[in-house]
Amino acid sequence: MAIALITGGSRGLGKSMALHLAQKGYDVIITYQHSKAEAQSVVDEIRQHGQKAALLQLDIAQTKMFPPFLEELKALLASQWHTAHFDILINNVGIGINTPFMETTEEQFDTLMNIHLKGTFFFIQTMLPILNDGGRILNISTGLARFSLPGFSAYAMMKGGIEVLTRYLALELGKRNITVNVLAPGAIATDFGGGVVRDNENANAYIASQIALGRVGLADDIGAAVSMLVSDDAHWINGERIEVSGGMRL
């Protein structure tokens, strides 16, 4: 069975993706930065589904650490799966910074760029030599790259870059039969961005009023969509932006 690598898989959307993939019969490797106990809990739950799972530490903003991470991943694949390659790369890890344009600092800008844009770009580059031909890459963007809300200009700008990168990768990797798509979640009730969508009743109600299906999204809405988009059934979807927002701001 296929092996999926999910960055930022210890909680929120990444956790849901990992569990949905396990339920579909995929083996899963997740990365975490600080929350090792949470990541181990996800790994344990995946194993309860009868699938193999493992975790590795990764700070996506530290590109100098990508070569040693690659060696760790190779050793893990060899020891637990007796293979040198994996099949699915999901670039999920990220943070949210909500700051008005005029108050955005260069430090905040660089943090967002290093995590969402530069980190993702060079992490994919590092992983490609051991991603199987015929594999899948799924990048995670945001509905905010299509519609606009105050305070997210820098964040959405980085995700817009990922959406452009996705199209270029789909073109360049076609000769290896690797599909590359981008999934753009709408507003989701998780702890992302301080948990405002989940915990602020007024914000939750306002956002729900902007969504055709009448509620904010849940992590499982995204996990289910991810498991569909990396499956064999989606093999002819390539270079596409798929928004999973319940119909937000149509």
C-alpha atoms as a PDB file:
ATOM      1  CA  MET A   1       0.000   0.000   0.000  1.00  0.00           C
ATOM      2  CA  ALA A   2       1.049   3.578  -0.618  1.00  0.00           C
ATOM      3  CA  ILE A   3       2.992   5.613   1.923  1.00  0.00           C
ATOM      4  CA  ALA A   4       1.994   9.229   2.584  1.00  0.00           C
ATOM      5  CA  LEU A   5       4.169  11.929   4.166  1.00  0.00           C
ATOM      6  CA  ILE A   6       2.213  14.773   5.786  1.00  0.00           C
ATOM      7  CA  THR A   7       3.964  17.830   7.184  1.00  0.00           C
ATOM      8  CA  GLY A   8       2.390  19.192  10.353  1.00  0.00           C
ATOM      9  CA  GLY A   9       0.371  16.096  11.151  1.00  0.00           C
ATOM     10  CA  SER A  10       0.122  16.280  14.933  1.00  0.00           C
ATOM     11  CA  ARG A  11      -3.133  18.267  15.173  1.00  0.00           C
ATOM     12  CA  GLY A  12      -5.834  20.119  13.285  1.00  0.00           C
ATOM     13  CA  LEU A  13      -6.100  19.558   9.564  1.00  0.00           C
ATOM     14  CA  GLY A  14      -2.932  17.469   9.357  1.00  0.00           C
ATOM     15  CA  LYS A  15      -4.203  15.063  12.003  1.00  0.00           C
ATOM     16  CA  SER A  16      -7.507  14.677  10.181  1.00  0.00           C
ATOM     17  CA  MET A  17      -5.707  14.061   6.888  1.00  0.00           C
ATOM     18  CA  ALA A  18      -3.535  11.384   8.490  1.00  0.00           C
ATOM     19  CA  LEU A  19      -6.476   9.566  10.059  1.00  0.00           C
ATOM     20  CA  HIS A  20      -8.609   9.693   6.917  1.00  0.00           C
ATOM     21  CA  LEU A  21      -5.739   8.290   4.858  1.00  0.00           C
ATOM     22  CA  ALA A  22      -5.200   5.514   7.385  1.00  0.00           C
ATOM     23  CA  GLN A  23      -8.887   4.640   7.223  1.00  0.00           C
ATOM     24  CA  LYS A  24      -8.493   4.318   3.447  1.00  0.00           C
ATOM     25  CA  GLY A  25      -5.593   1.890   3.890  1.00  0.00           C
ATOM     26  CA  TYR A  26      -2.579   4.178   3.497  1.00  0.00           C
ATOM     27  CA  ASP A  27       0.516   4.052   5.679  1.00  0.00           C
ATOM     28  CA  VAL A  28       1.399   7.488   7.052  1.00  0.00           C
ATOM     29  CA  ILE A  29       4.484   9.386   8.177  1.00  0.00           C
ATOM     30  CA  ILE A  30       3.776  12.697   9.900  1.00  0.00           C
ATOM     31  CA  THR A  31       6.074  15.519  10.906  1.00  0.00           C
ATOM     32  CA  TYR A  32       5.865  17.700  13.973  1.00  0.00           C
ATOM     33  CA  GLN A  33       7.887  20.655  15.237  1.00  0.00           C
ATOM     34  CA  HIS A  34       7.270  20.801  19.000  1.00  0.00           C
ATOM     35  CA  SER A  35       4.279  18.596  19.852  1.00  0.00           C
ATOM     36  CA  LYS A  36       5.877  15.164  19.940  1.00  0.00           C
ATOM     37  CA  ALA A  37       3.332  13.745  22.384  1.00  0.00           C
ATOM     38  CA  GLU A  38       0.439  14.879  20.181  1.00  0.00           C
ATOM     39  CA  ALA A  39       2.160  13.468  17.101  1.00  0.00           C
ATOM     40  CA  GLN A  40       2.744  10.139  18.845  1.00  0.00           C
ATOM     41  CA  SER A  41      -0.944  10.020  19.744  1.00  0.00           C
ATOM     42  CA  VAL A  42      -1.828  10.376  16.050  1.00  0.00           C
ATOM     43  CA  VAL A  43       0.650   7.630  15.145  1.00  0.00           C
ATOM     44  CA  ASP A  44      -0.862   5.344  17.795  1.00  0.00           C
ATOM     45  CA  GLU A  45      -4.362   5.977  16.449  1.00  0.00           C
ATOM     46  CA  ILE A  46      -3.258   5.202  12.901  1.00  0.00           C
ATOM     47  CA  ARG A  47      -1.756   1.922  14.064  1.00  0.00           C
ATOM     48  CA  GLN A  48      -5.089   1.075  15.681  1.00  0.00           C
ATOM     49  CA  HIS A  49      -6.544   1.230  12.156  1.00  0.00           C
ATOM     50  CA  GLY A  50      -4.081  -1.498  11.190  1.00  0.00           C
ATOM     51  CA  GLN A  51      -1.751   0.747   9.192  1.00  0.00           C
ATOM     52  CA  LYS A  52       1.928   1.468   9.698  1.00  0.00           C
ATOM     53  CA  ALA A  53       2.793   4.952  10.942  1.00  0.00           C
ATOM     54  CA  ALA A  54       5.781   6.959  12.130  1.00  0.00           C
ATOM     55  CA  LEU A  55       6.771  10.496  13.067  1.00  0.00           C
ATOM     56  CA  LEU A  56       9.756  12.709  12.361  1.00  0.00           C
ATOM     57  CA  GLN A  57      10.644  16.164  13.672  1.00  0.00           C
ATOM     58  CA  LEU A  58      10.801  18.994  11.140  1.00  0.00           C
ATOM     59  CA  ASP A  59      10.972  22.786  11.197  1.00  0.00           C
ATOM     60  CA  ILE A  60       9.868  23.727   7.684  1.00  0.00           C
ATOM     61  CA  ALA A  61      11.384  27.218   8.074  1.00  0.00           C
ATOM     62  CA  GLN A  62      14.901  25.781   8.476  1.00  0.00           C
ATOM     63  CA  THR A  63      15.866  24.750   4.960  1.00  0.00           C
ATOM     64  CA  LYS A  64      19.378  23.830   6.091  1.00  0.00           C
ATOM     65  CA  MET A  65      17.821  20.954   8.003  1.00  0.00           C
ATOM     66  CA  PHE A  66      16.203  19.409   4.923  1.00  0.00           C
ATOM     67  CA  PRO A  67      19.236  17.287   3.889  1.00  0.00           C
ATOM     68  CA  PRO A  68      19.538  15.608   7.330  1.00  0.00           C
ATOM     69  CA  PHE A  69      15.757  15.184   7.397  1.00  0.00           C
ATOM     70  CA  LEU A  70      15.975  13.418   4.042  1.00  0.00           C
ATOM     71  CA  GLU A  71      18.544  11.006   5.466  1.00  0.00           C
ATOM     72  CA  GLU A  72      16.299  10.348   8.489  1.00  0.00           C
ATOM     73  CA  LEU A  73      13.377   9.675   6.191  1.00  0.00           C
ATOM     74  CA  LYS A  74      15.425   7.308   4.029  1.00  0.00           C
ATOM     75  CA  ALA A  75      16.515   5.374   7.109  1.00  0.00           C
ATOM     76  CA  LEU A  76      12.918   5.211   8.359  1.00  0.00           C
ATOM     77  CA  LEU A  77      11.598   3.966   5.028  1.00  0.00           C
ATOM     78  CA  ALA A  78      14.309   1.330   4.873  1.00  0.00           C
ATOM     79  CA  SER A  79      13.809   0.071   8.423  1.00  0.00           C
ATOM     80  CA  GLN A  80      10.014   0.096   8.667  1.00  0.00           C
ATOM     81  CA  TRP A  81       8.902  -0.334   5.061  1.00  0.00           C
ATOM     82  CA  HIS A  82      11.938  -1.931   3.393  1.00  0.00           C
ATOM     83  CA  THR A  83      11.752   0.599   0.573  1.00  0.00           C
ATOM     84  CA  ALA A  84      13.658   3.654  -0.588  1.00  0.00           C
ATOM     85  CA  HIS A  85      10.660   5.670  -1.764  1.00  0.00           C
ATOM     86  CA  PHE A  86       7.261   7.003  -0.753  1.00  0.00           C
ATOM     87  CA  ASP A  87       4.165   7.846  -2.778  1.00  0.00           C
ATOM     88  CA  ILE A  88       2.260  10.890  -1.505  1.00  0.00           C
ATOM     89  CA  LEU A  89       3.570  14.237  -0.249  1.00  0.00           C
ATOM     90  CA  ILE A  90       1.108  16.570   1.471  1.00  0.00           C
ATOM     91  CA  ASN A  91       2.534  19.994   2.292  1.00  0.00           C
ATOM     92  CA  ASN A  92       0.216  20.994   5.107  1.00  0.00           C
ATOM     93  CA  VAL A  93       2.295  22.642   7.833  1.00  0.00           C
ATOM     94  CA  GLY A  94       1.667  26.346   8.378  1.00  0.00           C
ATOM     95  CA  ILE A  95       0.805  29.196  10.705  1.00  0.00           C
ATOM     96  CA  GLY A  96      -1.614  32.089  10.465  1.00  0.00           C
ATOM     97  CA  ILE A  97      -0.784  35.733  11.195  1.00  0.00           C
ATOM     98  CA  ASN A  98      -3.674  38.193  11.096  1.00  0.00           C
ATOM     99  CA  THR A  99      -2.217  41.716  10.980  1.00  0.00           C
ATOM    100  CA  PRO A 100      -3.369  44.785   9.015  1.00  0.00           C
ATOM    101  CA  PHE A 101      -1.136  45.614   6.059  1.00  0.00           C
ATOM    102  CA  MET A 102       0.247  48.807   7.595  1.00  0.00           C
ATOM    103  CA  GLU A 103       1.128  47.016  10.821  1.00  0.00           C
ATOM    104  CA  THR A 104       2.776  43.948   9.274  1.00  0.00           C
ATOM    105  CA  THR A 105       6.439  43.817  10.261  1.00  0.00           C
ATOM    106  CA  GLU A 106       9.305  42.533   8.175  1.00  0.00           C
ATOM    107  CA  GLU A 107       9.820  39.811  10.776  1.00  0.00           C
ATOM    108  CA  GLN A 108       6.227  38.625  10.384  1.00  0.00           C
ATOM    109  CA  PHE A 109       6.569  38.731   6.599  1.00  0.00           C
ATOM    110  CA  ASP A 110       9.777  36.696   6.694  1.00  0.00           C
ATOM    111  CA  THR A 111       8.253  34.155   9.085  1.00  0.00           C
ATOM    112  CA  LEU A 112       5.308  33.588   6.761  1.00  0.00           C
ATOM    113  CA  MET A 113       7.541  33.448   3.699  1.00  0.00           C
ATOM    114  CA  ASN A 114      10.001  30.987   5.231  1.00  0.00           C
ATOM    115  CA  ILE A 115       7.253  28.615   6.351  1.00  0.00           C
ATOM    116  CA  HIS A 116       4.689  28.840   3.589  1.00  0.00           C
ATOM    117  CA  LEU A 117       6.638  29.723   0.456  1.00  0.00           C
ATOM    118  CA  LYS A 118      10.393  29.207   0.701  1.00  0.00           C
ATOM    119  CA  GLY A 119      10.127  26.221   3.018  1.00  0.00           C
ATOM    120  CA  THR A 120       7.533  24.467   0.879  1.00  0.00           C
ATOM    121  CA  PHE A 121       9.441  25.166  -2.347  1.00  0.00           C
ATOM    122  CA  PHE A 122      12.715  23.673  -1.141  1.00  0.00           C
ATOM    123  CA  PHE A 123      11.117  20.867   0.856  1.00  0.00           C
ATOM    124  CA  ILE A 124       9.429  19.586  -2.287  1.00  0.00           C
ATOM    125  CA  GLN A 125      12.735  19.911  -4.127  1.00  0.00           C
ATOM    126  CA  THR A 126      14.451  17.850  -1.423  1.00  0.00           C
ATOM    127  CA  MET A 127      11.769  15.155  -1.366  1.00  0.00           C
ATOM    128  CA  LEU A 128      11.384  14.653  -5.133  1.00  0.00           C
ATOM    129  CA  PRO A 129      14.302  12.217  -5.583  1.00  0.00           C
ATOM    130  CA  ILE A 130      12.584   9.665  -3.323  1.00  0.00           C
ATOM    131  CA  LEU A 131       8.976  10.320  -4.378  1.00  0.00           C
ATOM    132  CA  ASN A 132       7.827   7.478  -6.595  1.00  0.00           C
ATOM    133  CA  ASP A 133       7.007   8.115 -10.237  1.00  0.00           C
ATOM    134  CA  GLY A 134       3.236   8.128 -10.498  1.00  0.00           C
ATOM    135  CA  GLY A 135       3.025   9.701  -7.043  1.00  0.00           C
ATOM    136  CA  ARG A 136       0.987  12.602  -5.720  1.00  0.00           C
ATOM    137  CA  ILE A 137       1.858  16.036  -4.371  1.00  0.00           C
ATOM    138  CA  LEU A 138      -0.882  18.017  -2.656  1.00  0.00           C
ATOM    139  CA  ASN A 139      -0.169  21.534  -1.462  1.00  0.00           C
ATOM    140  CA  ILE A 140      -2.422  23.320   1.024  1.00  0.00           C
ATOM    141  CA  SER A 141      -3.450  26.897   0.294  1.00  0.00           C
ATOM    142  CA  THR A 142      -6.376  28.937   1.613  1.00  0.00           C
ATOM    143  CA  GLY A 143      -9.666  30.393   0.474  1.00  0.00           C
ATOM    144  CA  LEU A 144      -8.084  33.755   1.301  1.00  0.00           C
ATOM    145  CA  ALA A 145      -6.103  33.509  -1.935  1.00  0.00           C
ATOM    146  CA  ARG A 146      -9.451  33.912  -3.766  1.00  0.00           C
ATOM    147  CA  PHE A 147     -11.508  36.153  -1.469  1.00  0.00           C
ATOM    148  CA  SER A 148     -10.128  38.829   0.838  1.00  0.00           C
ATOM    149  CA  LEU A 149     -10.483  39.500   4.555  1.00  0.00           C
ATOM    150  CA  PRO A 150      -8.653  42.324   6.362  1.00  0.00           C
ATOM    151  CA  GLY A 151      -5.386  41.411   8.007  1.00  0.00           C
ATOM    152  CA  PHE A 152      -4.343  38.466   5.883  1.00  0.00           C
ATOM    153  CA  SER A 153      -2.488  40.173   3.035  1.00  0.00           C
ATOM    154  CA  ALA A 154       0.938  38.663   3.786  1.00  0.00           C
ATOM    155  CA  TYR A 155      -0.404  35.193   4.580  1.00  0.00           C
ATOM    156  CA  ALA A 156      -2.622  35.057   1.492  1.00  0.00           C
ATOM    157  CA  MET A 157       0.205  36.390  -0.674  1.00  0.00           C
ATOM    158  CA  MET A 158       2.401  33.430   0.299  1.00  0.00           C
ATOM    159  CA  LYS A 159      -0.404  30.979  -0.397  1.00  0.00           C
ATOM    160  CA  GLY A 160      -0.997  32.620  -3.767  1.00  0.00           C
ATOM    161  CA  GLY A 161       2.618  31.831  -4.549  1.00  0.00           C
ATOM    162  CA  ILE A 162       2.036  28.188  -3.646  1.00  0.00           C
ATOM    163  CA  GLU A 163      -0.902  28.067  -6.043  1.00  0.00           C
ATOM    164  CA  VAL A 164       1.311  29.315  -8.887  1.00  0.00           C
ATOM    165  CA  LEU A 165       4.061  26.877  -7.891  1.00  0.00           C
ATOM    166  CA  THR A 166       1.545  24.027  -8.033  1.00  0.00           C
ATOM    167  CA  ARG A 167       0.790  24.678 -11.706  1.00  0.00           C
ATOM    168  CA  TYR A 168       4.469  24.826 -12.620  1.00  0.00           C
ATOM    169  CA  LEU A 169       5.231  21.623 -10.747  1.00  0.00           C
ATOM    170  CA  ALA A 170       2.330  19.854 -12.433  1.00  0.00           C
ATOM    171  CA  LEU A 171       3.819  20.802 -15.790  1.00  0.00           C
ATOM    172  CA  GLU A 172       7.410  19.915 -14.966  1.00  0.00           C
ATOM    173  CA  LEU A 173       6.644  16.640 -13.184  1.00  0.00           C
ATOM    174  CA  GLY A 174       4.215  15.354 -15.796  1.00  0.00           C
ATOM    175  CA  LYS A 175       6.998  13.348 -17.407  1.00  0.00           C
ATOM    176  CA  ARG A 176       7.244  11.383 -14.139  1.00  0.00           C
ATOM    177  CA  ASN A 177       3.466  10.920 -14.036  1.00  0.00           C
ATOM    178  CA  ILE A 178       3.361  12.788 -10.710  1.00  0.00           C
ATOM    179  CA  THR A 179       0.202  14.836 -10.227  1.00  0.00           C
ATOM    180  CA  VAL A 180       0.387  18.120  -8.312  1.00  0.00           C
ATOM    181  CA  ASN A 181      -2.691  19.894  -7.009  1.00  0.00           C
ATOM    182  CA  VAL A 182      -3.533  22.488  -4.400  1.00  0.00           C
ATOM    183  CA  LEU A 183      -6.374  22.261  -1.898  1.00  0.00           C
ATOM    184  CA  ALA A 184      -7.658  25.558  -0.507  1.00  0.00           C
ATOM    185  CA  PRO A 185      -9.627  25.204   2.750  1.00  0.00           C
ATOM    186  CA  GLY A 186     -12.154  27.831   3.701  1.00  0.00           C
ATOM    187  CA  ALA A 187     -12.737  28.860   7.311  1.00  0.00           C
ATOM    188  CA  ILE A 188     -12.219  25.830   9.555  1.00  0.00           C
ATOM    189  CA  ALA A 189     -12.961  25.456  13.270  1.00  0.00           C
ATOM    190  CA  THR A 190      -9.499  24.493  14.564  1.00  0.00           C
ATOM    191  CA  ASP A 191      -6.848  26.172  16.735  1.00  0.00           C
ATOM    192  CA  PHE A 192      -5.270  27.685  13.601  1.00  0.00           C
ATOM    193  CA  GLY A 193      -4.688  31.437  13.894  1.00  0.00           C
ATOM    194  CA  GLY A 194      -5.454  31.392  17.599  1.00  0.00           C
ATOM    195  CA  GLY A 195      -8.681  29.441  17.160  1.00  0.00           C
ATOM    196  CA  VAL A 196     -10.750  32.494  16.215  1.00  0.00           C
ATOM    197  CA  VAL A 197     -13.109  30.589  13.888  1.00  0.00           C
ATOM    198  CA  ARG A 198     -13.656  27.859  16.482  1.00  0.00           C
ATOM    199  CA  ASP A 199     -13.764  29.907  19.676  1.00  0.00           C
ATOM    200  CA  ASN A 200     -15.158  33.337  18.777  1.00  0.00           C
ATOM    201  CA  GLU A 201     -18.937  32.954  18.606  1.00  0.00           C
ATOM    202  CA  ASN A 202     -19.482  36.179  16.674  1.00  0.00           C
ATOM    203  CA  ALA A 203     -16.756  35.382  14.142  1.00  0.00           C
ATOM    204  CA  ASN A 204     -18.101  31.866  13.716  1.00  0.00           C
ATOM    205  CA  ALA A 205     -21.630  33.126  13.088  1.00  0.00           C
ATOM    206  CA  TYR A 206     -20.499  35.803  10.638  1.00  0.00           C
ATOM    207  CA  ILE A 207     -18.378  33.388   8.623  1.00  0.00           C
ATOM    208  CA  ALA A 208     -21.160  30.793   8.597  1.00  0.00           C
ATOM    209  CA  SER A 209     -23.444  33.441   7.082  1.00  0.00           C
ATOM    210  CA  GLN A 210     -20.992  33.749   4.174  1.00  0.00           C
ATOM    211  CA  ILE A 211     -21.036  30.019   3.379  1.00  0.00           C
ATOM    212  CA  ALA A 212     -23.676  28.462   1.148  1.00  0.00           C
ATOM    213  CA  LEU A 213     -23.956  25.368   3.359  1.00  0.00           C
ATOM    214  CA  GLY A 214     -24.541  27.527   6.423  1.00  0.00           C
ATOM    215  CA  ARG A 215     -21.709  26.523   8.756  1.00  0.00           C
ATOM    216  CA  VAL A 216     -17.968  26.837   9.137  1.00  0.00           C
ATOM    217  CA  GLY A 217     -15.839  23.892   8.113  1.00  0.00           C
ATOM    218  CA  LEU A 218     -14.553  21.118  10.340  1.00  0.00           C
ATOM    219  CA  ALA A 219     -11.174  19.415  10.174  1.00  0.00           C
ATOM    220  CA  ASP A 220     -12.817  16.220   8.944  1.00  0.00           C
ATOM    221  CA  ASP A 221     -14.275  18.087   5.955  1.00  0.00           C
ATOM    222  CA  ILE A 222     -10.711  18.714   4.819  1.00  0.00           C
ATOM    223  CA  GLY A 223      -9.304  15.323   5.783  1.00  0.00           C
ATOM    224  CA  ALA A 224     -11.964  13.576   3.722  1.00  0.00           C
ATOM    225  CA  ALA A 225     -11.289  15.781   0.686  1.00  0.00           C
ATOM    226  CA  VAL A 226      -7.545  15.175   0.931  1.00  0.00           C
ATOM    227  CA  SER A 227      -7.968  11.389   1.018  1.00  0.00           C
ATOM    228  CA  MET A 228     -10.077  11.667  -2.130  1.00  0.00           C
ATOM    229  CA  LEU A 229      -7.652  13.927  -4.024  1.00  0.00           C
ATOM    230  CA  VAL A 230      -4.599  11.728  -3.464  1.00  0.00           C
ATOM    231  CA  SER A 231      -6.433   8.509  -4.331  1.00  0.00           C
ATOM    232  CA  ASP A 232      -6.161   6.601  -7.586  1.00  0.00           C
ATOM    233  CA  ASP A 233      -9.659   7.813  -8.458  1.00  0.00           C
ATOM    234  CA  ALA A 234      -8.245  11.337  -8.808  1.00  0.00           C
ATOM    235  CA  HIS A 235      -5.385  10.354 -11.134  1.00  0.00           C
ATOM    236  CA  TRP A 236      -6.595  12.659 -13.946  1.00  0.00           C
ATOM    237  CA  ILE A 237      -6.853  15.753 -11.743  1.00  0.00           C
ATOM    238  CA  ASN A 238      -3.627  17.694 -12.197  1.00  0.00           C
ATOM    239  CA  GLY A 239      -2.482  21.285 -11.810  1.00  0.00           C
ATOM    240  CA  GLU A 240      -5.786  22.267 -10.235  1.00  0.00           C
ATOM    241  CA  ARG A 241      -6.859  24.468  -7.343  1.00  0.00           C
ATOM    242  CA  ILE A 242      -9.687  22.776  -5.441  1.00  0.00           C
ATOM    243  CA  GLU A 243     -11.378  24.980  -2.848  1.00  0.00           C
ATOM    244  CA  VAL A 244     -13.038  23.102   0.016  1.00  0.00           C
ATOM    245  CA  SER A 245     -15.050  25.796   1.751  1.00  0.00           C
ATOM    246  CA  GLY A 246     -18.699  24.745   1.644  1.00  0.00           C
ATOM    247  CA  GLY A 247     -19.276  27.489  -0.916  1.00  0.00           C
ATOM    248  CA  MET A 248     -17.795  30.531   0.849  1.00  0.00           C
ATOM    249  CA  ARG A 249     -18.364  33.966  -0.650  1.00  0.00           C
ATOM    250  CA  LEU A 250     -19.774  32.650  -3.915  1.00  0.00           C
END
